[in-house]
């Protein structure tokens, strides 16, 4: 098992960062979270075990 050390994120809920529909209203917060998600996907791509088409179909 591979553990993810980086990237890491500490995120505290602050009501002023969200609108009435709970969408992120702060552009800097959106950018920060999108950047983290991109790096997280990169980590997944580097650590995922290759799967055959048959394995992918059985999940």
Protein backbone atom coordinates (compact mmCIF):
# COMPACT_ATOMS: atom_id res chain seq x y z
CA UNK A 1 0.00 0.00 0.00
CA UNK A 2 1.28 3.43 -0.96
CA UNK A 3 0.51 6.29 1.44
CA UNK A 4 0.18 9.83 0.20
CA UNK A 5 2.44 12.26 2.04
CA UNK A 6 2.09 15.12 -0.42
CA UNK A 7 0.07 16.91 -1.53
CA UNK A 8 -1.75 17.56 1.70
CA UNK A 9 -4.41 20.10 2.52
CA UNK A 10 -5.79 21.56 5.72
CA UNK A 11 -9.10 23.21 5.06
CA UNK A 12 -11.31 24.88 7.65
CA UNK A 13 -14.90 25.68 6.85
CA UNK A 14 -15.48 29.42 6.84
CA UNK A 15 -19.02 30.52 5.95
CA UNK A 16 -17.78 33.67 4.20
CA UNK A 17 -16.10 31.51 1.53
CA UNK A 18 -19.44 30.05 0.37
CA UNK A 19 -22.62 31.48 -1.11
CA UNK A 20 -26.22 30.67 -0.13
CA UNK A 21 -26.18 27.49 -2.29
CA UNK A 22 -22.91 26.32 -0.62
CA UNK A 23 -20.87 26.98 -3.75
CA UNK A 24 -17.37 28.32 -3.21
CA UNK A 25 -17.56 32.05 -3.78
CA UNK A 26 -13.91 32.88 -3.11
CA UNK A 27 -11.79 32.72 -6.29
CA UNK A 28 -8.57 32.17 -4.33
CA UNK A 29 -10.15 29.24 -2.47
CA UNK A 30 -11.40 27.75 -5.75
CA UNK A 31 -7.92 28.07 -7.24
CA UNK A 32 -6.30 26.52 -4.18
CA UNK A 33 -8.67 23.53 -4.11
CA UNK A 34 -8.46 22.99 -7.87
CA UNK A 35 -4.67 23.00 -7.65
CA UNK A 36 -4.79 20.42 -4.87
CA UNK A 37 -7.20 18.22 -6.84
CA UNK A 38 -4.89 18.36 -9.88
CA UNK A 39 -1.91 17.28 -7.76
CA UNK A 40 -3.99 14.54 -6.11
CA UNK A 41 -4.94 13.16 -9.53
CA UNK A 42 -1.25 13.23 -10.46
CA UNK A 43 -0.45 11.17 -7.38
CA UNK A 44 -3.18 8.67 -8.27
CA UNK A 45 -1.80 8.33 -11.80
CA UNK A 46 1.67 7.60 -10.40
CA UNK A 47 0.58 5.03 -7.83
CA UNK A 48 -2.35 3.16 -9.37
CA UNK A 49 -1.65 -0.42 -10.39
CA UNK A 50 -2.21 -1.15 -14.06
CA UNK A 51 -5.47 -2.99 -14.68
CA UNK A 52 -6.60 -5.15 -17.52
CA UNK A 53 -9.84 -4.48 -19.32
CA UNK A 54 -11.33 -7.57 -17.64
CA UNK A 55 -10.46 -6.26 -14.15
CA UNK A 56 -11.94 -2.87 -14.94
CA UNK A 57 -15.20 -4.46 -16.10
CA UNK A 58 -15.70 -6.44 -12.87
CA UNK A 59 -15.68 -3.51 -10.44
